[in-house]
Amino acid sequence: MTSVEVYRQLGFAEADREDAEAYQADPVAVRGLVEQIRASVGKLGSEPRFQMPEDPRDSIQAFLETVPDIRRFHAERGIPDDISWATLADLGQQIKVNRRTHGSYGLETHWWMTIHWVGQIYALGRLQYLLHQVTEERPVPGTETGEWIIGVHIPETGPLTDELVDDSLAQAREFFPRYFPEFPVQTANLWSWLLDPYLLDNLPQDSNMVRFGRRFTPYGTPNDSQDSAIFFTFRTHGTDQLDELPQDTRLQRLVVGRIKDGGTWQSAYGYLKL
């Protein structure tokens, strides 16, 4: 049984902890994911492709049951407790986002949390970094197929100030050679709608988002990603109710205005050398 302290370390809000404790999980579904996680902890290189439970609340239960497994892996690597817990606390954060989006306890992004539970991603200050290998299908400039790099991810935990981003990148430069020396990394990449050239050209050039995006050298072909812009800006899906979305910030107005003008938001690729 998960203790109140572990729930706290995992970033659960009180309401979500209460709902997690009250939920009657499907033991077969939970066991299936638990077994997949335990068989994959520490197997790095590519994102896990698990068979996920139909009800994401069963996935949450499986993550709770395997906290000792991923914590043991972190400890064996010598990863400090604060980084270990900060990484796993994305579970509570994602559950909070789910409640804000859907009004109930759940985990829409339960597939995303699998990379945390196999030891592939780490929260280092403001940003998260996914340790993975370059593939022939998804080349990154200046790297070779099979080379280890870190993918940058941006949790919803506050502004992207220069100071916070600089500090996070500095932590990444120190963290991976120390705790994963057999996987040398020299490059970070990002795939995000925050790199859409339209966004970078139409927000104030001194804004945190633009200054962050300009750190990355663009490459590859952007993908249509309309829903990403809607979801990450408003925490909702679809374009059927654009007129009901708040228009309090320049970003909100830009996202809605482009869609109304017939445009399509895209997620683009970028890289930077560490």
Protein backbone atom coordinates (compact mmCIF):
# COMPACT_ATOMS: atom_id res chain seq x y z
CA MET A 1 0.00 0.00 0.00
CA THR A 2 1.30 3.42 -0.95
CA SER A 3 2.01 5.68 2.02
CA VAL A 4 0.87 9.28 2.31
CA GLU A 5 4.52 10.34 2.15
CA VAL A 6 5.11 8.53 -1.13
CA TYR A 7 1.99 10.14 -2.60
CA ARG A 8 3.43 13.50 -1.54
CA GLN A 9 6.79 12.74 -3.10
CA LEU A 10 4.99 11.74 -6.30
CA GLY A 11 3.32 15.15 -6.47
CA PHE A 12 -0.26 13.99 -5.87
CA ALA A 13 -2.83 16.59 -4.89
CA GLU A 14 -4.93 15.61 -1.87
CA ALA A 15 -8.02 14.99 -3.99
CA ASP A 16 -6.07 12.76 -6.35
CA ARG A 17 -4.57 10.77 -3.48
CA GLU A 18 -8.04 10.19 -2.05
CA ASP A 19 -9.38 9.07 -5.42
CA ALA A 20 -6.39 6.79 -5.97
CA GLU A 21 -6.95 5.11 -2.62
CA ALA A 22 -10.68 4.72 -3.28
CA TYR A 23 -10.32 3.33 -6.80
CA GLN A 24 -11.04 -0.39 -7.21
CA ALA A 25 -8.42 -1.41 -9.74
CA ASP A 26 -8.63 -4.31 -12.18
CA PRO A 27 -5.95 -6.66 -10.78
CA VAL A 28 -5.35 -8.34 -14.14
CA ALA A 29 -4.79 -5.06 -15.97
CA VAL A 30 -2.55 -3.74 -13.21
CA ARG A 31 -0.49 -6.91 -13.07
CA GLY A 32 0.00 -6.84 -16.85
CA LEU A 33 1.55 -3.38 -16.77
CA VAL A 34 3.52 -4.09 -13.59
CA GLU A 35 5.16 -7.07 -15.26
CA GLN A 36 6.03 -5.04 -18.36
CA ILE A 37 7.58 -2.27 -16.27
CA ARG A 38 9.64 -4.64 -14.12
CA ALA A 39 10.95 -6.40 -17.24
CA SER A 40 12.01 -3.09 -18.79
CA VAL A 41 13.53 -1.02 -15.97
CA GLY A 42 16.98 0.12 -17.07
CA LYS A 43 16.56 -1.01 -20.70
CA LEU A 44 17.32 2.27 -22.42
CA GLY A 45 17.63 3.37 -26.03
CA SER A 46 14.09 3.54 -27.38
CA GLU A 47 10.79 4.45 -25.77
CA PRO A 48 8.89 1.47 -24.33
CA ARG A 49 5.94 0.16 -26.30
CA PHE A 50 3.78 -1.35 -23.61
CA GLN A 51 0.29 -2.76 -23.85
CA MET A 52 -1.46 -0.22 -21.66
CA PRO A 53 -4.58 -0.86 -19.57
CA GLU A 54 -7.82 0.34 -21.09
CA ASP A 55 -8.56 2.40 -17.97
CA PRO A 56 -5.64 4.77 -17.20
CA ARG A 57 -6.51 4.57 -13.50
CA ASP A 58 -5.24 1.00 -13.61
CA SER A 59 -2.01 2.36 -15.07
CA ILE A 60 -1.69 4.73 -12.11
CA GLN A 61 -2.04 1.78 -9.76
CA ALA A 62 0.68 -0.08 -11.66
CA PHE A 63 2.99 2.92 -11.39
CA LEU A 64 2.34 3.11 -7.65
CA GLU A 65 3.14 -0.59 -7.22
CA THR A 66 6.43 -0.27 -9.09
CA VAL A 67 7.78 2.83 -7.34
CA PRO A 68 10.25 0.59 -5.42
CA ASP A 69 11.52 -0.88 -8.69
CA ILE A 70 12.38 2.41 -10.39
CA ARG A 71 13.66 3.90 -7.13
CA ARG A 72 16.01 0.91 -6.78
CA PHE A 73 17.34 1.51 -10.29
CA HIS A 74 17.94 5.17 -9.52
CA ALA A 75 19.74 4.26 -6.31
CA GLU A 76 21.93 1.69 -8.06
CA ARG A 77 22.98 4.40 -10.51
CA GLY A 78 23.75 6.75 -7.64
CA ILE A 79 21.13 9.24 -8.77
CA PRO A 80 20.36 11.66 -5.91
CA ASP A 81 17.01 11.33 -4.16
CA ASP A 82 15.90 14.84 -5.08
CA ILE A 83 16.34 14.15 -8.79
CA SER A 84 14.72 10.73 -8.50
CA TRP A 85 11.61 12.08 -6.78
CA ALA A 86 11.43 15.18 -8.98
CA THR A 87 11.42 12.90 -12.01
CA LEU A 88 8.72 10.58 -10.66
CA ALA A 89 6.62 13.52 -9.43
CA ASP A 90 5.62 14.12 -13.03
CA LEU A 91 3.01 11.43 -12.30
CA GLY A 92 1.20 13.68 -9.87
CA GLN A 93 1.61 16.65 -12.21
CA GLN A 94 0.08 14.75 -15.14
CA ILE A 95 -2.83 13.65 -12.95
CA LYS A 96 -3.43 17.27 -11.96
CA VAL A 97 -3.48 18.25 -15.64
CA ASN A 98 -5.97 15.46 -16.31
CA ARG A 99 -8.30 16.77 -13.60
CA ARG A 100 -8.03 20.31 -14.93
CA THR A 101 -8.73 19.09 -18.47
CA HIS A 102 -11.47 16.54 -17.82
CA GLY A 103 -12.69 17.44 -14.33
CA SER A 104 -11.96 14.02 -12.86
CA TYR A 105 -9.26 11.69 -11.55
CA GLY A 106 -7.38 9.92 -14.31
CA LEU A 107 -4.30 10.00 -16.51
CA GLU A 108 -4.86 10.77 -20.17
CA THR A 109 -1.09 10.61 -20.74
CA HIS A 110 -0.50 7.28 -19.02
CA TRP A 111 1.66 6.08 -21.95
CA TRP A 112 3.99 9.07 -21.37
CA MET A 113 4.75 8.01 -17.81
CA THR A 114 6.21 4.68 -18.91
CA ILE A 115 9.49 6.34 -19.88
CA HIS A 116 9.85 7.66 -16.33
CA TRP A 117 9.26 4.22 -14.87
CA VAL A 118 11.90 2.47 -16.97
CA GLY A 119 14.57 5.06 -16.10
CA GLN A 120 14.85 6.86 -19.42
CA ILE A 121 13.91 10.46 -18.48
CA TYR A 122 15.10 12.81 -15.74
CA ALA A 123 13.87 16.12 -14.36
CA LEU A 124 16.80 18.50 -13.97
CA GLY A 125 15.55 21.86 -12.84
CA ARG A 126 13.09 23.46 -15.27
CA LEU A 127 13.37 20.84 -18.03
CA GLN A 128 13.22 17.09 -18.49
CA TYR A 129 15.71 15.09 -20.56
CA LEU A 130 15.02 11.80 -22.32
CA LEU A 131 18.07 9.63 -22.91
CA HIS A 132 17.73 7.89 -26.28
CA GLN A 133 19.53 6.92 -29.46
CA VAL A 134 19.40 8.49 -32.90
CA THR A 135 17.70 6.23 -35.44
CA GLU A 136 18.11 6.00 -39.19
CA GLU A 137 14.45 6.95 -39.57
CA ARG A 138 14.86 10.08 -37.42
CA PRO A 139 18.33 11.51 -38.05
CA VAL A 140 19.62 14.52 -36.13
CA PRO A 141 22.18 16.85 -37.75
CA GLY A 142 25.73 16.40 -36.50
CA THR A 143 25.05 12.95 -35.06
CA GLU A 144 25.35 9.38 -36.26
CA THR A 145 22.79 6.60 -36.20
CA GLY A 146 22.96 4.91 -32.81
CA GLU A 147 24.52 7.91 -31.09
CA TRP A 148 23.10 8.76 -27.66
CA ILE A 149 21.43 12.14 -27.26
CA ILE A 150 18.95 13.71 -24.86
CA GLY A 151 15.49 14.84 -25.89
CA VAL A 152 14.28 18.01 -24.16
CA HIS A 153 10.77 18.05 -22.68
CA ILE A 154 9.02 21.00 -21.09
CA PRO A 155 6.79 20.25 -18.08
CA GLU A 156 4.09 22.72 -17.10
CA THR A 157 5.88 24.02 -14.03
CA GLY A 158 6.40 27.72 -14.68
CA PRO A 159 8.09 30.21 -17.00
CA LEU A 160 10.99 29.42 -19.31
CA THR A 161 13.29 32.18 -18.09
CA ASP A 162 16.84 32.36 -19.39
CA GLU A 163 18.18 31.75 -15.90
CA LEU A 164 16.11 28.60 -15.32
CA VAL A 165 16.89 27.16 -18.75
CA ASP A 166 20.61 27.90 -18.42
CA ASP A 167 20.65 26.22 -15.01
CA SER A 168 18.80 23.16 -16.31
CA LEU A 169 21.13 22.72 -19.28
CA ALA A 170 24.12 23.07 -16.98
CA GLN A 171 22.69 20.32 -14.77
CA ALA A 172 22.19 18.08 -17.82
CA ARG A 173 25.79 18.58 -18.93
CA GLU A 174 26.92 17.33 -15.53
CA PHE A 175 24.26 14.70 -14.83
CA PHE A 176 24.53 12.37 -17.81
CA PRO A 177 28.33 11.93 -17.90
CA ARG A 178 28.27 11.28 -14.15
CA TYR A 179 25.37 8.82 -13.89
CA PHE A 180 25.28 7.36 -17.43
CA PRO A 181 28.95 7.50 -18.52
CA GLU A 182 28.52 4.59 -20.93
CA PHE A 183 26.01 6.64 -22.94
CA PRO A 184 28.00 9.76 -23.95
CA VAL A 185 25.76 12.63 -25.04
CA GLN A 186 26.84 15.77 -26.85
CA THR A 187 23.54 16.86 -28.42
CA ALA A 188 20.05 17.71 -27.23
CA ASN A 189 17.03 17.79 -29.49
CA LEU A 190 13.46 19.01 -29.19
CA TRP A 191 10.24 18.31 -31.08
CA SER A 192 7.58 20.82 -30.10
CA TRP A 193 5.00 23.26 -31.36
CA LEU A 194 7.06 25.87 -29.49
CA LEU A 195 9.48 25.62 -32.44
CA ASP A 196 6.80 26.43 -35.01
CA PRO A 197 8.37 29.28 -37.03
CA TYR A 198 5.03 31.11 -37.02
CA LEU A 199 5.05 31.17 -33.22
CA LEU A 200 8.67 32.32 -33.05
CA ASP A 201 8.06 35.08 -35.59
CA ASN A 202 4.80 36.39 -34.13
CA LEU A 203 5.46 36.56 -30.39
CA PRO A 204 7.62 39.37 -28.96
CA GLN A 205 11.24 38.49 -29.69
CA ASP A 206 12.23 39.15 -26.08
CA SER A 207 9.60 36.76 -24.67
CA ASN A 208 10.72 33.70 -22.74
CA MET A 209 9.15 31.31 -25.25
CA VAL A 210 10.86 32.88 -28.24
CA ARG A 211 14.23 33.16 -26.53
CA PHE A 212 13.92 29.49 -25.57
CA GLY A 213 12.95 28.40 -29.08
CA ARG A 214 15.78 30.35 -30.68
CA ARG A 215 18.31 28.26 -28.74
CA PHE A 216 17.59 25.36 -31.10
CA THR A 217 18.76 25.04 -34.69
CA PRO A 218 15.80 23.87 -36.80
CA TYR A 219 16.00 20.71 -38.87
CA GLY A 220 13.73 18.20 -40.59
CA THR A 221 10.13 18.63 -41.69
CA PRO A 222 7.52 20.02 -39.26
CA ASN A 223 4.38 17.97 -38.56
CA ASP A 224 0.84 19.32 -38.38
CA SER A 225 0.07 19.63 -34.68
CA GLN A 226 -3.06 21.71 -34.29
CA ASP A 227 -4.23 19.85 -31.21
CA SER A 228 -0.90 20.34 -29.43
CA ALA A 229 -1.25 24.11 -29.65
CA ILE A 230 -4.82 23.94 -28.35
CA PHE A 231 -4.08 21.45 -25.58
CA PHE A 232 -0.90 23.00 -24.21
CA THR A 233 -2.32 26.52 -24.33
CA PHE A 234 -5.86 25.86 -23.06
CA ARG A 235 -5.84 22.28 -21.66
CA THR A 236 -8.67 21.22 -23.91
CA HIS A 237 -8.96 19.41 -27.23
CA GLY A 238 -10.53 20.24 -30.56
CA THR A 239 -11.36 23.42 -32.44
CA ASP A 240 -15.15 23.36 -32.23
CA GLN A 241 -15.39 25.96 -29.47
CA LEU A 242 -12.69 28.47 -30.31
CA ASP A 243 -14.91 31.43 -29.40
CA GLU A 244 -15.25 30.11 -25.85
CA LEU A 245 -11.52 29.91 -25.19
CA PRO A 246 -9.96 32.66 -23.06
CA GLN A 247 -8.17 35.42 -24.95
CA ASP A 248 -6.35 37.05 -22.05
CA THR A 249 -2.77 36.69 -23.29
CA ARG A 250 -0.99 37.36 -26.54
CA LEU A 251 -0.23 33.65 -26.88
CA GLN A 252 -3.89 32.69 -26.47
CA ARG A 253 -4.94 35.24 -29.06
CA LEU A 254 -2.21 34.08 -31.44
CA VAL A 255 -3.17 30.41 -31.18
CA VAL A 256 -6.86 31.01 -31.81
CA GLY A 257 -6.32 33.72 -34.42
CA ARG A 258 -4.13 31.57 -36.60
CA ILE A 259 -6.66 28.73 -36.60
CA LYS A 260 -9.52 31.10 -37.42
CA ASP A 261 -7.46 32.49 -40.31
CA GLY A 262 -7.20 28.99 -41.73
CA GLY A 263 -3.71 28.22 -40.51
CA THR A 264 -2.41 25.01 -38.99
CA TRP A 265 -0.04 24.86 -36.04
CA GLN A 266 2.93 22.55 -36.44
CA SER A 267 5.48 20.83 -34.26
CA ALA A 268 9.01 21.35 -35.52
CA TYR A 269 12.43 19.85 -34.76
CA GLY A 270 15.48 21.58 -33.35
CA TYR A 271 18.83 20.64 -31.85
CA LEU A 272 21.59 22.22 -29.81
CA LYS A 273 25.09 21.15 -28.86
CA LEU A 274 25.70 20.70 -25.16
